[in-house]
Each structure stands twice: as C-alpha cells, then as structure tokens.
Protein backbone atom coordinates (compact mmCIF):
# COMPACT_ATOMS: atom_id res chain seq x y z
CA UNK A 1 -12.61 35.43 27.60
CA UNK A 2 -15.35 33.74 25.53
CA UNK A 3 -14.81 30.19 24.29
CA UNK A 4 -14.62 30.39 20.48
CA UNK A 5 -14.10 26.64 20.01
CA UNK A 6 -16.37 25.18 17.33
CA UNK A 7 -18.13 21.96 18.35
CA UNK A 8 -19.16 19.34 15.84
CA UNK A 9 -21.14 16.11 16.22
CA UNK A 10 -20.77 13.30 13.72
CA UNK A 11 -21.03 9.50 13.53
CA UNK A 12 -17.72 8.66 11.84
CA UNK A 13 -14.39 10.50 11.83
CA UNK A 14 -11.76 9.54 9.27
CA UNK A 15 -8.29 10.92 10.00
CA UNK A 16 -6.08 11.10 6.91
CA UNK A 17 -7.26 11.61 3.32
CA UNK A 18 -5.55 8.60 1.74
CA UNK A 19 -6.74 5.47 -0.04
CA UNK A 20 -7.75 3.75 3.20
CA UNK A 21 -10.04 6.53 4.44
CA UNK A 22 -11.49 6.98 0.96
CA UNK A 23 -12.25 3.27 0.71
CA UNK A 24 -13.79 3.01 4.16
CA UNK A 25 -15.81 6.20 3.69
CA UNK A 26 -17.29 5.10 0.36
CA UNK A 27 -18.11 1.57 1.57
CA UNK A 28 -19.83 2.86 4.72
CA UNK A 29 -21.80 5.44 2.74
CA UNK A 30 -22.91 2.79 0.26
CA UNK A 31 -24.00 0.49 3.09
CA UNK A 32 -25.71 3.23 5.11
CA UNK A 33 -26.53 6.30 2.95
CA UNK A 34 -27.66 8.44 5.92
CA UNK A 35 -24.44 7.99 7.91
CA UNK A 36 -22.63 11.23 8.80
CA UNK A 37 -18.88 11.30 8.07
CA UNK A 38 -16.22 13.96 8.67
CA UNK A 39 -12.73 13.61 7.20
CA UNK A 40 -9.75 15.50 8.61
CA UNK A 41 -6.49 15.92 6.68
CA UNK A 42 -3.40 17.82 7.86
CA UNK A 43 -2.32 18.77 4.32
CA UNK A 44 -4.20 20.90 1.79
CA UNK A 45 -5.14 18.07 -0.60
CA UNK A 46 -6.09 14.39 -0.66
CA UNK A 47 -3.64 11.56 -1.33
CA UNK A 48 -0.61 13.83 -0.91
CA UNK A 49 1.38 11.39 1.23
CA UNK A 50 1.49 7.57 1.01
CA UNK A 51 -1.22 7.27 -1.67
CA UNK A 52 0.42 9.70 -4.11
CA UNK A 53 1.80 8.14 -7.31
CA UNK A 54 5.40 9.23 -6.66
CA UNK A 55 5.20 7.98 -3.07
CA UNK A 56 3.58 4.61 -3.78
CA UNK A 57 5.09 1.58 -5.52
CA UNK A 58 1.88 1.43 -7.56
CA UNK A 59 2.26 -2.09 -8.92
CA UNK A 60 -1.24 -3.00 -8.03
CA UNK A 61 0.40 -5.28 -5.46
CA UNK A 62 -1.20 -8.50 -6.66
CA UNK A 63 1.81 -10.70 -5.71
CA UNK A 64 2.29 -11.63 -9.36
CA UNK A 65 5.90 -10.43 -9.42
CA UNK A 66 6.92 -9.39 -5.88
CA UNK A 67 9.32 -12.09 -4.73
CA UNK A 68 9.30 -11.01 -1.08
CA UNK A 69 5.76 -12.44 -0.74
CA UNK A 70 7.04 -15.97 -1.46
CA UNK A 71 9.92 -16.62 0.96
CA UNK A 72 12.10 -19.68 0.61
CA UNK A 73 12.16 -21.86 3.74
CA UNK A 74 15.29 -23.38 5.22
CA UNK A 75 14.41 -26.71 3.56
CA UNK A 76 14.20 -25.00 0.15
CA UNK A 77 10.40 -25.10 -0.12
CA UNK A 78 8.32 -22.09 -1.15
CA UNK A 79 5.36 -20.96 0.93
CA UNK A 80 2.76 -19.38 -1.41
CA UNK A 81 0.23 -18.56 1.34
CA UNK A 82 0.90 -14.80 1.58
CA UNK A 83 1.04 -14.34 -2.20
CA UNK A 84 -2.28 -16.15 -2.63
CA UNK A 85 -3.90 -14.03 0.08
CA UNK A 86 -2.69 -10.78 -1.51
CA UNK A 87 -3.73 -11.86 -5.01
CA UNK A 88 -7.20 -12.74 -3.69
CA UNK A 89 -7.47 -9.36 -1.96
CA UNK A 90 -6.48 -7.55 -5.15
CA UNK A 91 -9.31 -9.29 -7.02
CA UNK A 92 -11.68 -7.99 -4.32
CA UNK A 93 -10.34 -4.46 -4.89
CA UNK A 94 -10.83 -4.81 -8.64
CA UNK A 95 -14.47 -5.78 -8.10
CA UNK A 96 -15.10 -2.75 -5.89
CA UNK A 97 -13.42 -0.37 -8.34
CA UNK A 98 -15.44 -1.90 -11.20
CA UNK A 99 -18.62 -1.29 -9.20
CA UNK A 100 -17.68 2.38 -8.71
CA UNK A 101 -16.99 2.79 -12.43
CA UNK A 102 -20.14 0.96 -13.52
CA UNK A 103 -22.29 3.09 -11.21
CA UNK A 104 -20.59 6.30 -12.43
CA UNK A 105 -19.32 7.05 -8.95
CA UNK A 106 -15.78 7.52 -10.26
CA UNK A 107 -14.88 8.61 -13.82
CA UNK A 108 -13.04 6.74 -16.58
CA UNK A 109 -11.00 3.80 -15.30
CA UNK A 110 -8.17 4.75 -17.68
CA UNK A 111 -7.42 7.57 -15.26
CA UNK A 112 -6.30 5.21 -12.50
CA UNK A 113 -5.74 1.66 -13.81
CA UNK A 114 -4.07 0.19 -16.89
CA UNK A 115 -2.97 -3.26 -18.02
CA UNK A 116 0.74 -4.02 -17.91
CA UNK A 117 2.66 -7.30 -17.64
CA UNK A 118 4.13 -8.16 -14.22
CA UNK A 119 7.52 -9.87 -14.52
CA UNK A 120 9.97 -11.37 -12.03
CA UNK A 121 13.57 -11.49 -13.26
CA UNK A 122 16.61 -13.19 -11.70
CA UNK A 123 20.07 -14.38 -12.64
CA UNK A 124 22.47 -16.96 -11.21
CA UNK A 125 21.86 -20.69 -10.67
CA UNK A 126 20.52 -20.36 -7.11
CA UNK A 127 18.05 -17.59 -7.98
CA UNK A 128 16.91 -19.35 -11.16
CA UNK A 129 16.18 -22.49 -9.12
CA UNK A 130 14.25 -20.39 -6.60
CA UNK A 131 12.15 -18.73 -9.31
CA UNK A 132 11.30 -22.11 -10.86
CA UNK A 133 10.15 -23.43 -7.49
CA UNK A 134 8.14 -20.24 -6.89
CA UNK A 135 6.48 -20.63 -10.27
CA UNK A 136 5.53 -24.24 -9.55
CA UNK A 137 4.15 -23.34 -6.12
CA UNK A 138 2.03 -20.48 -7.46
CA UNK A 139 0.93 -21.69 -10.87
CA UNK A 140 -0.92 -24.59 -9.26
CA UNK A 141 -3.36 -22.03 -7.80
CA UNK A 142 -6.16 -20.65 -10.03
CA UNK A 143 -5.14 -17.04 -9.25
CA UNK A 144 -1.74 -17.67 -10.87
CA UNK A 145 -2.74 -20.17 -13.57
CA UNK A 146 -1.75 -17.76 -16.34
CA UNK A 147 1.80 -17.33 -15.05
CA UNK A 148 4.50 -18.28 -17.57
CA UNK A 149 8.08 -19.30 -16.66
CA UNK A 150 10.97 -18.93 -19.09
CA UNK A 151 14.72 -19.37 -19.32
CA UNK A 152 14.59 -18.73 -23.08
CA UNK A 153 16.76 -15.71 -23.86
CA UNK A 154 14.85 -14.66 -26.98
CA UNK A 155 11.49 -14.91 -25.18
CA UNK A 156 12.72 -12.79 -22.27
CA UNK A 157 14.04 -10.28 -24.81
CA UNK A 158 10.51 -9.96 -26.21
CA UNK A 159 9.08 -9.48 -22.71
CA UNK A 160 11.60 -6.83 -21.60
CA UNK A 161 13.96 -5.64 -24.38
CA UNK A 162 15.45 -2.83 -22.29
CA UNK A 163 16.39 -5.26 -19.51
CA UNK A 164 17.89 -7.94 -21.79
CA UNK A 165 19.79 -5.60 -24.09
CA UNK A 166 23.55 -5.94 -23.58
CA UNK A 167 23.33 -9.38 -21.98
CA UNK A 168 24.58 -12.63 -23.49
CA UNK A 169 22.50 -15.75 -24.05
CA UNK A 170 25.18 -17.94 -22.44
CA UNK A 171 24.47 -16.46 -18.99
CA UNK A 172 21.82 -18.01 -16.74
CA UNK A 173 18.61 -15.92 -16.51
CA UNK A 174 14.99 -16.72 -15.70
CA UNK A 175 11.76 -14.78 -15.62
CA UNK A 176 8.07 -15.24 -14.96
CA UNK A 177 5.34 -13.22 -16.63
CA UNK A 178 1.73 -12.44 -15.78
CA UNK A 179 0.18 -10.54 -18.66
CA UNK A 180 -2.91 -9.65 -16.62
CA UNK A 181 -0.93 -7.39 -14.27
CA UNK A 182 -1.96 -3.78 -13.75
CA UNK A 183 -0.52 -0.36 -13.02
CA UNK A 184 -2.63 1.52 -10.47
CA UNK A 185 -2.38 5.24 -9.76
CA UNK A 186 -3.66 5.22 -6.19
CA UNK A 187 -3.36 8.98 -5.90
CA UNK A 188 -5.79 9.54 -8.76
CA UNK A 189 -8.12 6.78 -7.55
CA UNK A 190 -8.18 8.25 -4.04
CA UNK A 191 -8.96 11.76 -5.28
CA UNK A 192 -11.75 10.40 -7.53
CA UNK A 193 -13.31 8.53 -4.62
CA UNK A 194 -13.19 11.60 -2.38
CA UNK A 195 -14.73 13.78 -5.10
CA UNK A 196 -17.66 11.38 -5.21
CA UNK A 197 -17.87 10.97 -1.45
CA UNK A 198 -17.82 14.68 -0.60
CA UNK A 199 -20.72 15.36 -2.97
CA UNK A 200 -22.98 13.22 -0.81
CA UNK A 201 -25.16 14.57 1.98
CA UNK A 202 -23.63 14.20 5.42
CA UNK A 203 -19.99 14.05 4.30
CA UNK A 204 -17.58 16.92 5.00
CA UNK A 205 -13.88 17.16 4.13
CA UNK A 206 -11.64 19.35 6.30
CA UNK A 207 -8.21 20.10 4.81
CA UNK A 208 -5.41 21.82 6.79
CA UNK A 209 -6.79 20.32 9.99
CA UNK A 210 -4.48 18.70 12.53
CA UNK A 211 -5.57 16.40 15.35
CA UNK A 212 -4.06 17.58 18.64
CA UNK A 213 -5.75 15.40 21.26
CA UNK A 214 -8.08 12.41 21.48
CA UNK A 215 -10.00 11.16 24.49
CA UNK A 216 -12.60 8.46 24.93
CA UNK A 217 -15.52 9.51 27.11
CA UNK A 218 -17.46 7.41 29.61
CA UNK A 219 -20.19 6.63 27.09
CA UNK A 220 -17.44 5.18 24.76
CA UNK A 221 -17.76 8.05 22.29
CA UNK A 222 -14.69 10.11 21.34
CA UNK A 223 -13.80 13.77 21.78
CA UNK A 224 -11.15 14.96 19.36
CA UNK A 225 -9.44 18.34 19.63
CA UNK A 226 -8.46 19.68 16.22
CA UNK A 227 -6.82 22.88 14.98
CA UNK A 228 -7.52 24.49 11.61
CA UNK A 229 -3.93 25.22 10.52
CA UNK A 230 -5.05 27.89 8.03
CA UNK A 231 -7.10 30.00 10.47
CA UNK A 232 -5.97 28.81 13.90
CA UNK A 233 -9.59 27.98 14.77
CA UNK A 234 -9.96 25.33 17.50
CA UNK A 235 -12.55 22.59 17.10
CA UNK A 236 -13.91 19.81 19.28
CA UNK A 237 -15.42 16.92 17.41
CA UNK A 238 -17.65 14.32 19.09
CA UNK A 239 -18.11 10.98 17.34
CA UNK A 240 -19.06 7.33 17.88
CA UNK A 241 -16.31 5.90 15.69
CA UNK A 242 -12.79 6.94 14.64
CA UNK A 243 -10.59 5.51 11.92
CA UNK A 244 -6.96 6.61 11.77
CA UNK A 245 -5.50 6.03 8.31
CA UNK A 246 -2.78 8.66 8.32
CA UNK A 247 0.13 6.63 6.94
CA UNK A 248 3.24 7.28 9.00
CA UNK A 249 1.22 9.72 11.10
CA UNK A 250 -0.98 6.94 12.48
CA UNK A 251 1.40 5.85 15.25
CA UNK A 252 1.58 9.26 17.01
CA UNK A 253 -2.23 9.48 16.81
CA UNK A 254 -2.59 5.98 18.26
CA UNK A 255 -0.42 7.14 21.16
CA UNK A 256 -2.64 10.21 21.63
CA UNK A 257 -5.69 7.92 21.86
CA UNK A 258 -4.10 6.19 24.88
CA UNK A 259 -5.94 2.86 24.53
CA UNK A 260 -4.72 -0.47 25.96
CA UNK A 261 -4.64 -2.07 22.52
CA UNK A 262 -2.06 0.50 21.37
CA UNK A 263 0.46 -0.12 24.13
CA UNK A 264 3.84 -1.44 23.09
CA UNK A 265 3.64 -0.36 19.45
CA UNK A 266 6.53 1.55 17.91
CA UNK A 267 7.59 2.52 14.42
CA UNK A 268 10.77 2.39 12.35
CA UNK A 269 10.76 4.97 9.53
CA UNK A 270 12.25 4.17 6.12
CA UNK A 271 12.58 6.83 3.43
CA UNK A 272 13.04 6.26 -0.28
CA UNK A 273 14.25 7.63 -3.60
CA UNK A 274 13.60 6.69 -7.22
CA UNK A 275 15.80 6.98 -10.26
CA UNK A 276 13.47 8.58 -12.79
CA UNK A 277 14.13 8.33 -16.52
CA UNK A 278 14.12 11.63 -18.41
CA UNK A 279 14.68 10.28 -21.94
CA UNK A 280 11.35 9.74 -23.79
CA UNK A 281 12.96 7.24 -26.18
CA UNK A 282 14.10 5.02 -23.30
CA UNK A 283 10.74 5.34 -21.54
CA UNK A 284 8.92 4.22 -24.69
CA UNK A 285 11.01 1.05 -24.98
CA UNK A 286 9.88 -0.49 -21.68
CA UNK A 287 6.36 -1.71 -21.02
CA UNK A 288 6.42 -3.91 -17.95
CA UNK A 289 6.93 -4.05 -14.21
CA UNK A 290 10.08 -6.08 -13.64
CA UNK A 291 10.85 -7.08 -10.04
CA UNK A 292 14.07 -8.66 -8.79
CA UNK A 293 15.27 -10.07 -5.47
CA UNK A 294 15.84 -7.75 -2.54
CA UNK A 295 19.20 -7.37 -0.85
CA UNK A 296 19.67 -9.11 2.50
CA UNK A 297 18.04 -7.03 5.22
CA UNK A 298 16.06 -4.85 2.81
CA UNK A 299 12.49 -3.86 3.77
CA UNK A 300 9.72 -4.85 1.30
CA UNK A 301 9.34 -1.30 -0.02
CA UNK A 302 12.96 -1.53 -1.27
CA UNK A 303 12.60 -4.55 -3.54
CA UNK A 304 14.34 -3.36 -6.75
CA UNK A 305 12.17 -2.97 -9.81
CA UNK A 306 12.27 -1.27 -13.20
CA UNK A 307 8.77 0.05 -13.45
CA UNK A 308 6.71 1.47 -16.31
CA UNK A 309 4.05 3.78 -14.84
CA UNK A 310 1.38 6.28 -15.83
CA UNK A 311 1.66 9.39 -13.66
CA UNK A 312 -0.30 12.60 -14.25
CA UNK A 313 -1.37 11.31 -17.65
CA UNK A 314 2.17 10.67 -18.88
CA UNK A 315 4.20 7.48 -19.19
CA UNK A 316 7.07 7.34 -16.70
CA UNK A 317 9.92 4.92 -16.06
CA UNK A 318 11.31 4.44 -12.56
CA UNK A 319 13.96 2.31 -10.93
CA UNK A 320 14.33 1.65 -7.23
CA UNK A 321 13.31 2.57 -4.71
CA UNK A 322 16.55 3.18 -2.86
CA UNK A 323 15.99 3.08 0.88
CA UNK A 324 17.21 5.60 3.39
CA UNK A 325 16.76 6.57 6.98
CA UNK A 326 14.98 9.63 8.30
CA UNK A 327 13.42 10.26 11.69
CA UNK A 328 10.34 11.67 9.93
CA UNK A 329 7.21 9.54 9.92
CA UNK A 330 5.77 11.40 6.92
CA UNK A 331 7.30 12.94 3.81
CA UNK A 332 5.90 16.23 5.10
CA UNK A 333 6.60 15.32 8.72
CA UNK A 334 9.01 16.52 11.40
CA UNK A 335 12.47 15.21 12.29
CA UNK A 336 11.21 14.89 15.86
CA UNK A 337 8.58 12.27 14.88
CA UNK A 338 10.68 9.24 15.84
CA UNK A 339 12.09 10.61 19.14
CA UNK A 340 8.64 11.80 20.25
CA UNK A 341 7.12 8.39 19.47
CA UNK A 342 9.34 6.60 21.99
CA UNK A 343 7.34 5.94 25.16
CA UNK A 344 7.91 3.82 28.31
CA UNK A 345 5.62 1.08 26.96
CA UNK A 346 7.34 0.70 23.58
CA UNK A 347 11.01 1.39 24.28
CA UNK A 348 11.83 -2.27 25.08
CA UNK A 349 10.13 -3.69 21.95
CA UNK A 350 11.89 -1.04 19.84
CA UNK A 351 15.32 -1.80 21.32
CA UNK A 352 14.85 -5.56 20.98
CA UNK A 353 13.57 -5.25 17.40
CA UNK A 354 16.52 -2.99 16.57
CA UNK A 355 19.02 -5.46 18.00
CA UNK A 356 17.44 -8.36 16.11
CA UNK A 357 17.38 -6.48 12.80
CA UNK A 358 21.02 -5.41 12.55
CA UNK A 359 21.13 -6.49 8.86
CA UNK A 360 18.38 -3.92 8.17
CA UNK A 361 20.34 -1.20 9.95
CA UNK A 362 23.46 -2.14 7.98
CA UNK A 363 21.46 -2.12 4.74
CA UNK A 364 20.02 1.34 5.44
CA UNK A 365 23.45 2.75 6.28
CA UNK A 366 24.79 1.37 3.00
CA UNK A 367 21.85 2.86 1.10
CA UNK A 368 22.30 6.30 2.68
CA UNK A 369 25.98 6.27 1.67
CA UNK A 370 25.23 5.50 -2.00
CA UNK A 371 26.67 8.02 -4.46
CA UNK A 372 24.96 8.92 -7.76
CA UNK A 373 27.45 6.61 -9.47
CA UNK A 374 26.51 3.76 -7.09
CA UNK A 375 22.83 4.18 -7.94
CA UNK A 376 23.52 4.02 -11.68
CA UNK A 377 25.61 0.89 -11.08
CA UNK A 378 22.61 -0.68 -9.30
CA UNK A 379 20.34 0.39 -12.18
CA UNK A 380 22.64 -1.27 -14.71
CA UNK A 381 22.02 -4.63 -13.07
CA UNK A 382 18.51 -4.29 -14.54
CA UNK A 383 19.17 -1.96 -17.49
CA UNK A 384 22.72 -2.75 -18.66
CA UNK A 385 22.76 0.08 -21.19
CA UNK A 386 21.55 2.82 -18.81
CA UNK A 387 23.27 6.20 -19.24
CA UNK A 388 23.66 8.56 -16.27
CA UNK A 389 22.40 11.54 -18.27
CA UNK A 390 19.03 9.82 -18.85
CA UNK A 391 18.19 9.45 -15.16
CA UNK A 392 17.65 11.75 -12.19
CA UNK A 393 16.78 11.32 -8.52
CA UNK A 394 13.15 11.72 -7.43
CA UNK A 395 12.15 11.64 -3.78
CA UNK A 396 9.84 8.75 -2.95
CA UNK A 397 7.50 8.25 -0.01
CA UNK A 398 8.11 7.70 3.67
CA UNK A 399 7.07 4.43 5.31
CA UNK A 400 6.91 3.44 8.97
CA UNK A 401 7.45 -0.26 9.64
CA UNK A 402 5.55 -1.58 12.65
CA UNK A 403 7.34 -2.64 15.82
CA UNK A 404 5.25 -4.42 18.43
CA UNK A 405 5.54 -6.32 21.69
CA UNK A 406 6.00 -10.04 21.53
CA UNK A 407 5.85 -12.31 24.56
CA UNK A 408 8.56 -14.66 23.27
CA UNK A 409 10.80 -12.28 21.37
CA UNK A 410 10.30 -9.09 23.42
CA UNK A 411 9.80 -7.03 20.28
CA UNK A 412 9.41 -7.79 16.56
CA UNK A 413 9.60 -5.72 13.39
CA UNK A 414 6.63 -6.25 11.07
CA UNK A 415 6.90 -5.48 7.35
CA UNK A 416 3.22 -5.75 6.49
CA UNK A 417 0.03 -3.84 7.23
CA UNK A 418 -1.50 -4.05 10.70
CA UNK A 419 -4.95 -2.93 11.88
CA UNK A 420 -5.37 -2.25 15.59
CA UNK A 421 -8.98 -2.13 16.81
CA UNK A 422 -10.20 -1.46 20.33
CA UNK A 423 -12.25 -4.12 22.09
CA UNK A 424 -15.36 -1.92 21.95
CA UNK A 425 -14.92 -1.35 18.19
CA UNK A 426 -15.01 2.47 18.47
CA UNK A 427 -11.44 3.07 17.26
CA UNK A 428 -9.45 1.44 14.49
CA UNK A 429 -5.93 2.36 13.43
CA UNK A 430 -3.99 1.21 10.37
CA UNK A 431 -0.21 0.93 10.71
CA UNK A 432 2.48 -0.28 8.33
CA UNK A 433 3.03 -0.20 4.60
CA UNK A 434 3.13 -2.77 1.79
CA UNK A 435 0.85 -4.12 0.37
CA UNK A 436 -1.67 -1.70 1.93
CA UNK A 437 -3.22 0.25 -0.95
CA UNK A 438 -3.86 -2.70 -3.25
CA UNK A 439 -5.60 -4.66 -0.52
CA UNK A 440 -7.48 -1.66 0.95
CA UNK A 441 -10.96 -3.03 0.18
CA UNK A 442 -10.36 -6.34 1.97
CA UNK A 443 -8.73 -4.55 4.90
CA UNK A 444 -11.67 -2.17 5.27
CA UNK A 445 -14.28 -4.95 5.02
CA UNK A 446 -12.45 -6.80 7.79
CA UNK A 447 -12.43 -3.56 9.81
CA UNK A 448 -16.20 -3.14 9.29
CA UNK A 449 -16.68 -6.72 10.47
CA UNK A 450 -14.87 -5.83 13.71
CA UNK A 451 -16.40 -2.39 14.32
CA UNK A 452 -19.88 -2.61 12.75
CA UNK A 453 -20.51 -6.31 13.38
CA UNK A 454 -24.26 -6.12 14.03
CA UNK A 455 -24.96 -3.93 11.00
CA UNK A 456 -22.76 -6.08 8.78
CA UNK A 457 -24.76 -9.16 9.77
CA UNK A 458 -28.00 -7.53 8.61
CA UNK A 459 -29.55 -8.77 5.33
CA UNK A 460 -29.44 -5.23 3.88
CA UNK A 461 -25.67 -4.83 4.37
CA UNK A 462 -24.95 -8.39 3.23
CA UNK A 463 -26.97 -7.88 0.06
CA UNK A 464 -25.31 -4.55 -0.72
CA UNK A 465 -21.82 -5.95 -0.22
CA UNK A 466 -22.56 -8.70 -2.73
CA UNK A 467 -23.62 -6.04 -5.22
CA UNK A 468 -20.35 -4.14 -4.71
CA UNK A 469 -18.19 -7.28 -4.49
CA UNK A 470 -19.86 -10.22 -6.28
CA UNK A 471 -17.43 -12.76 -4.78
CA UNK A 472 -18.11 -11.56 -1.21
CA UNK A 473 -18.14 -14.57 1.13
CA UNK A 474 -16.48 -16.86 -1.43
CA UNK A 475 -12.81 -17.76 -1.97
CA UNK A 476 -11.77 -17.10 -5.55
CA UNK A 477 -8.55 -19.07 -5.10
CA UNK A 478 -10.70 -22.19 -4.62
CA UNK A 479 -13.18 -21.55 -7.47
CA UNK A 480 -11.61 -21.28 -10.95
CA UNK A 481 -14.97 -20.85 -12.69
CA UNK A 482 -16.06 -17.93 -10.49
CA UNK A 483 -12.58 -16.38 -10.73
CA UNK A 484 -12.67 -16.50 -14.54
CA UNK A 485 -16.12 -14.90 -14.57
CA UNK A 486 -15.11 -12.17 -12.10
CA UNK A 487 -11.90 -11.36 -14.00
CA UNK A 488 -13.77 -11.20 -17.29
CA UNK A 489 -16.40 -8.81 -15.89
CA UNK A 490 -14.04 -6.52 -14.00
CA UNK A 491 -11.60 -6.53 -16.91
CA UNK A 492 -14.32 -5.34 -19.29
CA UNK A 493 -15.57 -2.59 -16.96
CA UNK A 494 -12.07 -1.37 -16.07
CA UNK A 495 -10.95 -1.66 -19.73
CA UNK A 496 -8.13 -4.09 -18.99
CA UNK A 497 -6.54 -6.49 -21.46
CA UNK A 498 -7.50 -9.84 -19.97
C-alpha cells in the first residue's frame, strides 16, 4: 500500500494558535523576514481557547489591581517584587503593540485595547490596613506613581457607583485606583496578529491539525506526526525548532516530546464560570475593573472582580470567575486529559502537591457545590443591589496549574507561567496561566534569548528589537523619565487616555 503521508520541511513550528504563538511568530518574522514558519492548531480558528475574550480575564494584567501579586508576609510586610515585574512586562507589551499599530501590521487599536481604571476594593479593618501597606509599597515605584489610595466614601462612590450603592459611609472600606489601566481583548489581538503573519511569505497556518507524536532526531531536528482532522490526511513535519503554546494542551505535548527537561511535570486543571450581566442599564453604570481579595486556597484565576469589558464590539459586565474542577485540560478537551497525563515520573510530585494544597481542594469542592443563589450572594458582596434576573452564567476558560518536582518539597504547585526549554534550545514549551497573555512579549523575548542566542546577539537583531521595543535592555521601573516618555508615546499610538 503506497505511503500517502505528506512531508513538510520548515524552520519553526508553532503548536497552538493563541497569543503566545502569535507573538513569537511575529517577533521572529520581524527579526528574520526570510524565516519559514508553520503553525498548527487543533481547532478551526485562532484564539479559540485560552486567548478568547470569554476565556481570559482580560484585565491587561499590569498588577495595578490584582492583589494576589502583592502577598503579605508573616511579619506584615508587602513584597512588591512580582507586581513590579508584571507591570514592567506589560509596558513592554504595550510598546510592541504600538509598533504593530504604527507600522499598520494590525488594524485600529480600538479593536483590542481601551482605557479603563483599575481599582482594588476591600472592606474590614485588616484588609484596609493591608491595602494601605500595599499602596505604600507600590506607589514608591515609578510604574505605580499614579496610584491613588482612598477611604473616602464619596470618592469611592465616584470611582465605582455600582459597587458603593447600598453601602453605608460608617462601614470601613478602602480602594486604590490607577486611571491608566486598560482592557485588552486578547482574542481580537491574537487574530489580528495572525492575519498579518499569515499574509507574509513563508508562513502557513494549518487549522484542524492535531499533533500525534514528536521525536527528536540525531541531528537535533524534530519530526512531528500530525493528522488533518478534517480530511484524515497524515503529515510528517521536519523542523529545527518547536514552540508549544497550546494552553492546557501543552503538558500532554511536552510528555509526547519525551525530553529530560520535561520529566516530573504535571498539571492540575481548574475550570471557571462568569456571572454575565444581561441588563444594558446596569452594564452602562459601571466603568472600571474592580478586584477584591481571593478566598483562602483560591487559585489566581479565581480572584473575584466586577469587570467592565469590551467583547465583540459591545460593552459587557462580568463577575467572577467562579472556579470549578474538571479533568479536561482544555475547554474543548477530553475528560481523560488528567488521567492520561499521569506518568511514573510525575505521580509523586502530583501526589505531594495535592497533599500540600488541601485548602485548594476544599475551595474547589465548595465552588463546585455553589447554587445559583450562592453565586448571586457572592456577587452582592461587590454589587449590593444586584438582581438575579439581570445575571446569567457564562462558561469561562480552562486553566492548568503547573505541578513540578522539587528536591526539598517533593512536588510543588505553581500558579504562574513557566517556560521549559531544552538544553539544546530546539524545543520550548509554555505551561501555566496568569499573567501569561499580558506579559507574552517579555516571555517570548526571553525564549528567543534562550533558543536563538547567537542571532539575538547580532547587531541586526538588537537594532530591530529596539525599534519594536524602545526600552529594550533598560529597566523602566528604574527610569521615571524614560517611563513617562514611553507611556506618552504608546498611549498616543494606542489611543489610550494617559
């Protein structure tokens, strides 16, 4: 019987058509216009999983309002390090997006980014004290200089009338505000970037294509066996470099690659749901992203927030997300994803991490058991006047938290984003969730530094990166003058109110 397998040769394979692959693909193509790139996506469209607006928190995770990025230590001090790092990375992303808009590589910025205040809101003496300390720790840094702290009831009412309505001034509330916050539709941004990328010579997008096997050959190149799900056609793709940015699907693909660097990694899936407002009058009354404190044991994706968004060209209002548990690794995945991911090399780290994160398990069980009435009760902590008839459930995205080996602990559960790169730099895999999308540009530049080190060191690549990201090689959090200039320029190009 004749072999009908199609064979393809390329230089770069991107697996997964989300914001990470789009970002890496565009940067590489800008740095080396003649590079050949093939993108493989299991679904029939780009950004349909983690990058989609309904599946992504979409705050433009700049750490302006997300309290989980500024943990309180046992001695009561606040460590701002992670928040500063994320805020810096978001400024890098803004510069890259501004470059794409200015060079007409993506259309109108209004389609994917808009200005909106970022607020943190708490109540109770202990939480108010925490927020004040957080404000003092952050506002000392140039990135957060414009942050405002308030315990003034009338001022908070101006910032977020829907949230303060029905409360009394005698209670103890506090809030911080960053007016230069943004709302980012990463689904629309991703699709715009892929539309540009796939118009270029040497770039091919393959939808409905599923990776079945991966094997590194003796010459360090990769052979990938892929099936066209629409036609059943088998393909073998040969490439020098592979990036796996498939959201929750990255872990099974890392296991297929069978590289030493991937041993011991596991994943813990967390599903989510939003409460979506259906009353246009209520939606119109809220114009902010208001984040509160997470429950004990809650994963970062479950930090409660009442969130004004632009989705598919229309203003939306969401509350949540409510967490849940599913054995799927993707929203469009299989219930066998988690069981099939358990291997001899990761079973111990997964068991240890599970044992040490019992509060998370308890939290997820409680979330799964929530009734519609319970969800409205939770909403009323943020919108006291919320009526059940104005809100409905909307399914959110699926996230897979990283579990990895640890010499001291045996296994640890990571809530951030992790990039695994082989020693030879031919394979890189992105695992984890928040704050991924907002920091995609910084993550991909770091990846290029690991996997294309010699090229990155060349004068041509260095010069081009400084064109795309004017602050490249400099720390904005240490240079207020440069930061002000960068924010002014990117704000003007992206049509933001700062």
